[in-house]
Each structure stands twice: as structure tokens, then as C-alpha cells.
Amino acid sequence: MDDLVKLDAEKLLIRWMNWHLWNGGSQRQITNLGKDLSDGEVYTIVLHSIDPSCIDKTGTLAKDPTERAKSVINAAEKLGFTPFITPSDIRSGN
């Protein structure tokens, strides 16, 4: 726990997302919060790990990246979040 407290916010979020990727059965790991997230796949796996009913992991991963990004936004809304990003933000790595 002491090591976690020492991490800056970005590194802590990356670690949290990597844990959810592992928990979701993915071999992917991220090292940044930009390009590594731009295809929407990581968001899909993490959201599915948090609540499998919010997003269909298998169907969404087969879609093109823009459609996947739209599904990620829809899943966040199903979880009660008001997204402050758009599918184009995801696609551009912002």
C-alpha cells in the first residue's frame, strides 16, 4: 500500500487499468493514457471487467475502432457516468 500512495495519479490509473485488463482475461497492458487507449479495446475490457452487463466485450471488439469508441461512451452512460470525452477524443488518444 505504501508503494501505491507514492505513485502519481497517471501511474496509479495505469496500474488500476492494467489490473482490470488482467482481471478481464486480456493479455494487453498499457503504458500510457493516450495511444494505448485510442482503439477503444482497453476501455471495453476494463468496463466489462467492472460490470459485464454494461458492454458486450466480444461483439464490441470485432467492430471498427470508431464504433467501439461509441460503445465505450454508451457503456459509461449505462454505469451512470456523464462522459466528458467523445468517441473522437478516444480515437485521437486524448
N, C-alpha and C. Protein backbone atom coordinates (compact mmCIF):
# COMPACT_ATOMS: atom_id res chain seq x y z
N MET A 1 0.82 -1.19 0.00
CA MET A 1 0.00 0.00 0.00
C MET A 1 0.86 1.26 0.00
N ASP A 2 1.97 1.22 0.70
CA ASP A 2 2.87 2.38 0.74
C ASP A 2 3.38 2.73 -0.66
N ASP A 3 3.65 1.70 -1.48
CA ASP A 3 4.12 1.94 -2.84
C ASP A 3 3.04 2.61 -3.69
N LEU A 4 1.78 2.21 -3.50
CA LEU A 4 0.69 2.80 -4.26
C LEU A 4 0.52 4.27 -3.94
N VAL A 5 0.64 4.62 -2.69
CA VAL A 5 0.47 6.01 -2.26
C VAL A 5 1.53 6.91 -2.88
N LYS A 6 2.69 6.35 -3.18
CA LYS A 6 3.78 7.14 -3.74
C LYS A 6 3.63 7.40 -5.24
N LEU A 7 2.75 6.65 -5.92
CA LEU A 7 2.59 6.80 -7.36
C LEU A 7 1.84 8.09 -7.69
N ASP A 8 2.24 8.73 -8.82
CA ASP A 8 1.45 9.89 -9.26
C ASP A 8 0.14 9.37 -9.84
N ALA A 9 -0.81 10.27 -10.05
CA ALA A 9 -2.17 9.89 -10.46
C ALA A 9 -2.18 9.09 -11.76
N GLU A 10 -1.38 9.48 -12.75
CA GLU A 10 -1.37 8.77 -14.03
C GLU A 10 -0.86 7.34 -13.88
N LYS A 11 0.22 7.17 -13.14
CA LYS A 11 0.76 5.83 -12.93
C LYS A 11 -0.21 4.95 -12.13
N LEU A 12 -0.90 5.54 -11.18
CA LEU A 12 -1.89 4.79 -10.40
C LEU A 12 -3.05 4.35 -11.29
N LEU A 13 -3.52 5.24 -12.16
CA LEU A 13 -4.60 4.89 -13.07
C LEU A 13 -4.17 3.81 -14.06
N ILE A 14 -2.95 3.89 -14.57
CA ILE A 14 -2.43 2.86 -15.47
C ILE A 14 -2.38 1.52 -14.75
N ARG A 15 -1.92 1.53 -13.53
CA ARG A 15 -1.85 0.28 -12.76
C ARG A 15 -3.26 -0.29 -12.53
N TRP A 16 -4.22 0.58 -12.20
CA TRP A 16 -5.60 0.16 -11.98
C TRP A 16 -6.18 -0.44 -13.25
N MET A 17 -5.95 0.24 -14.40
CA MET A 17 -6.47 -0.27 -15.67
C MET A 17 -5.81 -1.60 -16.04
N ASN A 18 -4.51 -1.72 -15.82
CA ASN A 18 -3.83 -2.98 -16.12
C ASN A 18 -4.35 -4.12 -15.26
N TRP A 19 -4.71 -3.82 -14.01
CA TRP A 19 -5.29 -4.86 -13.17
C TRP A 19 -6.63 -5.31 -13.75
N HIS A 20 -7.47 -4.36 -14.19
CA HIS A 20 -8.75 -4.70 -14.78
C HIS A 20 -8.58 -5.43 -16.12
N LEU A 21 -7.55 -5.09 -16.88
CA LEU A 21 -7.26 -5.85 -18.10
C LEU A 21 -6.93 -7.30 -17.75
N TRP A 22 -6.07 -7.48 -16.77
CA TRP A 22 -5.72 -8.83 -16.32
C TRP A 22 -6.97 -9.55 -15.80
N ASN A 23 -7.75 -8.87 -14.99
CA ASN A 23 -8.96 -9.45 -14.42
C ASN A 23 -9.96 -9.83 -15.51
N GLY A 24 -9.95 -9.07 -16.61
CA GLY A 24 -10.85 -9.34 -17.73
C GLY A 24 -10.33 -10.40 -18.69
N GLY A 25 -9.18 -10.99 -18.36
CA GLY A 25 -8.63 -12.06 -19.18
C GLY A 25 -7.83 -11.60 -20.38
N SER A 26 -7.45 -10.34 -20.40
CA SER A 26 -6.70 -9.80 -21.53
C SER A 26 -5.20 -9.95 -21.32
N GLN A 27 -4.50 -10.12 -22.42
CA GLN A 27 -3.04 -10.13 -22.39
C GLN A 27 -2.48 -8.71 -22.53
N ARG A 28 -3.35 -7.75 -22.90
CA ARG A 28 -2.89 -6.38 -23.10
C ARG A 28 -2.52 -5.72 -21.79
N GLN A 29 -1.57 -4.85 -21.86
CA GLN A 29 -1.18 -3.98 -20.76
C GLN A 29 -0.90 -2.62 -21.38
N ILE A 30 -1.19 -1.56 -20.65
CA ILE A 30 -0.94 -0.23 -21.17
C ILE A 30 0.24 0.41 -20.45
N THR A 31 0.86 1.34 -21.14
CA THR A 31 1.96 2.09 -20.52
C THR A 31 1.70 3.58 -20.54
N ASN A 32 0.61 4.00 -21.25
CA ASN A 32 0.26 5.41 -21.30
C ASN A 32 -1.24 5.56 -21.42
N LEU A 33 -1.73 6.77 -21.21
CA LEU A 33 -3.17 7.03 -21.26
C LEU A 33 -3.58 7.71 -22.56
N GLY A 34 -2.78 7.56 -23.59
CA GLY A 34 -3.09 8.16 -24.88
C GLY A 34 -3.25 7.11 -25.95
N LYS A 35 -2.18 6.87 -26.67
CA LYS A 35 -2.20 5.95 -27.81
C LYS A 35 -2.68 4.55 -27.42
N ASP A 36 -2.31 4.08 -26.25
CA ASP A 36 -2.71 2.73 -25.81
C ASP A 36 -4.22 2.59 -25.66
N LEU A 37 -4.93 3.70 -25.53
CA LEU A 37 -6.38 3.66 -25.34
C LEU A 37 -7.16 4.03 -26.61
N SER A 38 -6.47 4.45 -27.65
CA SER A 38 -7.13 5.04 -28.81
C SER A 38 -7.97 4.08 -29.64
N ASP A 39 -7.75 2.78 -29.53
CA ASP A 39 -8.58 1.85 -30.32
C ASP A 39 -9.86 1.45 -29.58
N GLY A 40 -10.00 1.88 -28.31
CA GLY A 40 -11.20 1.59 -27.53
C GLY A 40 -11.23 0.20 -26.92
N GLU A 41 -10.31 -0.66 -27.31
CA GLU A 41 -10.31 -2.03 -26.81
C GLU A 41 -10.07 -2.08 -25.30
N VAL A 42 -9.11 -1.32 -24.82
CA VAL A 42 -8.79 -1.32 -23.39
C VAL A 42 -9.98 -0.83 -22.58
N TYR A 43 -10.59 0.27 -23.02
CA TYR A 43 -11.78 0.77 -22.32
C TYR A 43 -12.86 -0.31 -22.27
N THR A 44 -13.06 -1.00 -23.39
CA THR A 44 -14.09 -2.04 -23.46
C THR A 44 -13.82 -3.14 -22.45
N ILE A 45 -12.60 -3.62 -22.39
CA ILE A 45 -12.25 -4.71 -21.48
C ILE A 45 -12.36 -4.25 -20.03
N VAL A 46 -11.90 -3.03 -19.73
CA VAL A 46 -11.96 -2.52 -18.35
C VAL A 46 -13.42 -2.33 -17.92
N LEU A 47 -14.23 -1.73 -18.77
CA LEU A 47 -15.64 -1.55 -18.42
C LEU A 47 -16.34 -2.89 -18.24
N HIS A 48 -16.04 -3.85 -19.09
CA HIS A 48 -16.63 -5.18 -18.97
C HIS A 48 -16.17 -5.86 -17.68
N SER A 49 -14.93 -5.63 -17.28
CA SER A 49 -14.41 -6.19 -16.03
C SER A 49 -15.14 -5.60 -14.83
N ILE A 50 -15.47 -4.31 -14.91
CA ILE A 50 -16.17 -3.64 -13.81
C ILE A 50 -17.62 -4.10 -13.73
N ASP A 51 -18.30 -4.14 -14.89
CA ASP A 51 -19.71 -4.54 -14.94
C ASP A 51 -20.00 -5.17 -16.29
N PRO A 52 -19.99 -6.50 -16.36
CA PRO A 52 -20.19 -7.19 -17.64
C PRO A 52 -21.50 -6.83 -18.35
N SER A 53 -22.50 -6.37 -17.61
CA SER A 53 -23.78 -6.06 -18.25
C SER A 53 -23.76 -4.72 -19.00
N CYS A 54 -22.74 -3.90 -18.80
CA CYS A 54 -22.73 -2.57 -19.42
C CYS A 54 -22.22 -2.59 -20.85
N ILE A 55 -21.47 -3.62 -21.23
CA ILE A 55 -20.89 -3.65 -22.58
C ILE A 55 -20.62 -5.08 -22.99
N ASP A 56 -20.89 -5.39 -24.25
CA ASP A 56 -20.63 -6.72 -24.79
C ASP A 56 -19.20 -6.77 -25.29
N LYS A 57 -18.35 -7.41 -24.54
CA LYS A 57 -16.93 -7.43 -24.86
C LYS A 57 -16.63 -8.08 -26.20
N THR A 58 -17.23 -9.20 -26.50
CA THR A 58 -16.88 -9.91 -27.73
C THR A 58 -17.39 -9.19 -28.97
N GLY A 59 -18.61 -8.73 -28.95
CA GLY A 59 -19.15 -8.03 -30.11
C GLY A 59 -18.49 -6.70 -30.35
N THR A 60 -18.19 -5.99 -29.30
CA THR A 60 -17.60 -4.67 -29.43
C THR A 60 -16.18 -4.75 -29.96
N LEU A 61 -15.43 -5.75 -29.56
CA LEU A 61 -14.05 -5.86 -30.01
C LEU A 61 -13.95 -6.15 -31.50
N ALA A 62 -15.01 -6.70 -32.09
CA ALA A 62 -14.99 -7.02 -33.51
C ALA A 62 -15.31 -5.81 -34.38
N LYS A 63 -15.86 -4.75 -33.81
CA LYS A 63 -16.26 -3.58 -34.58
C LYS A 63 -15.06 -2.69 -34.90
N ASP A 64 -15.30 -1.75 -35.81
CA ASP A 64 -14.23 -0.81 -36.13
C ASP A 64 -14.00 0.11 -34.92
N PRO A 65 -12.82 0.70 -34.82
CA PRO A 65 -12.46 1.50 -33.63
C PRO A 65 -13.41 2.65 -33.31
N THR A 66 -13.97 3.30 -34.32
CA THR A 66 -14.89 4.40 -34.04
C THR A 66 -16.18 3.89 -33.42
N GLU A 67 -16.70 2.79 -33.94
CA GLU A 67 -17.90 2.19 -33.36
C GLU A 67 -17.61 1.68 -31.94
N ARG A 68 -16.43 1.14 -31.74
CA ARG A 68 -16.02 0.67 -30.42
C ARG A 68 -15.98 1.84 -29.44
N ALA A 69 -15.46 2.98 -29.88
CA ALA A 69 -15.39 4.17 -29.03
C ALA A 69 -16.80 4.65 -28.66
N LYS A 70 -17.72 4.59 -29.61
CA LYS A 70 -19.11 4.96 -29.32
C LYS A 70 -19.72 4.01 -28.29
N SER A 71 -19.41 2.73 -28.40
CA SER A 71 -19.91 1.74 -27.44
C SER A 71 -19.35 1.99 -26.04
N VAL A 72 -18.11 2.44 -25.98
CA VAL A 72 -17.48 2.75 -24.69
C VAL A 72 -18.22 3.91 -24.02
N ILE A 73 -18.54 4.95 -24.78
CA ILE A 73 -19.28 6.09 -24.23
C ILE A 73 -20.65 5.63 -23.75
N ASN A 74 -21.33 4.82 -24.54
CA ASN A 74 -22.65 4.31 -24.15
C ASN A 74 -22.56 3.47 -22.87
N ALA A 75 -21.52 2.66 -22.76
CA ALA A 75 -21.35 1.82 -21.57
C ALA A 75 -21.11 2.70 -20.33
N ALA A 76 -20.31 3.74 -20.48
CA ALA A 76 -20.07 4.65 -19.36
C ALA A 76 -21.37 5.29 -18.90
N GLU A 77 -22.21 5.66 -19.85
CA GLU A 77 -23.50 6.25 -19.50
C GLU A 77 -24.39 5.24 -18.79
N LYS A 78 -24.36 3.96 -19.21
CA LYS A 78 -25.12 2.91 -18.54
C LYS A 78 -24.69 2.75 -17.08
N LEU A 79 -23.41 3.01 -16.82
CA LEU A 79 -22.88 2.91 -15.46
C LEU A 79 -23.18 4.16 -14.64
N GLY A 80 -23.82 5.15 -15.27
CA GLY A 80 -24.20 6.36 -14.55
C GLY A 80 -23.21 7.50 -14.64
N PHE A 81 -22.21 7.36 -15.51
CA PHE A 81 -21.22 8.42 -15.67
C PHE A 81 -21.65 9.37 -16.78
N THR A 82 -21.34 10.62 -16.61
CA THR A 82 -21.53 11.59 -17.67
C THR A 82 -20.17 11.77 -18.34
N PRO A 83 -20.00 11.20 -19.51
CA PRO A 83 -18.68 11.27 -20.17
C PRO A 83 -18.29 12.70 -20.50
N PHE A 84 -17.04 13.01 -20.28
CA PHE A 84 -16.52 14.32 -20.64
C PHE A 84 -15.63 14.20 -21.87
N ILE A 85 -15.61 13.01 -22.47
CA ILE A 85 -14.88 12.80 -23.71
C ILE A 85 -15.85 12.28 -24.76
N THR A 86 -15.45 12.36 -25.99
CA THR A 86 -16.27 11.90 -27.11
C THR A 86 -15.56 10.73 -27.80
N PRO A 87 -16.27 10.01 -28.66
CA PRO A 87 -15.59 8.95 -29.41
C PRO A 87 -14.37 9.46 -30.19
N SER A 88 -14.45 10.67 -30.74
CA SER A 88 -13.30 11.20 -31.48
C SER A 88 -12.12 11.50 -30.53
N ASP A 89 -12.41 11.86 -29.28
CA ASP A 89 -11.33 12.04 -28.29
C ASP A 89 -10.62 10.72 -28.04
N ILE A 90 -11.41 9.65 -27.90
CA ILE A 90 -10.81 8.32 -27.69
C ILE A 90 -9.94 7.96 -28.89
N ARG A 91 -10.48 8.11 -30.08
CA ARG A 91 -9.77 7.72 -31.31
C ARG A 91 -8.47 8.51 -31.49
N SER A 92 -8.47 9.77 -31.06
CA SER A 92 -7.26 10.59 -31.23
C SER A 92 -6.26 10.40 -30.09
N GLY A 93 -6.64 9.63 -29.07
CA GLY A 93 -5.72 9.39 -27.96
C GLY A 93 -5.71 10.49 -26.92
N ASN A 94 -6.72 11.36 -26.95
CA ASN A 94 -6.82 12.44 -25.96
C ASN A 94 -7.45 11.95 -24.68
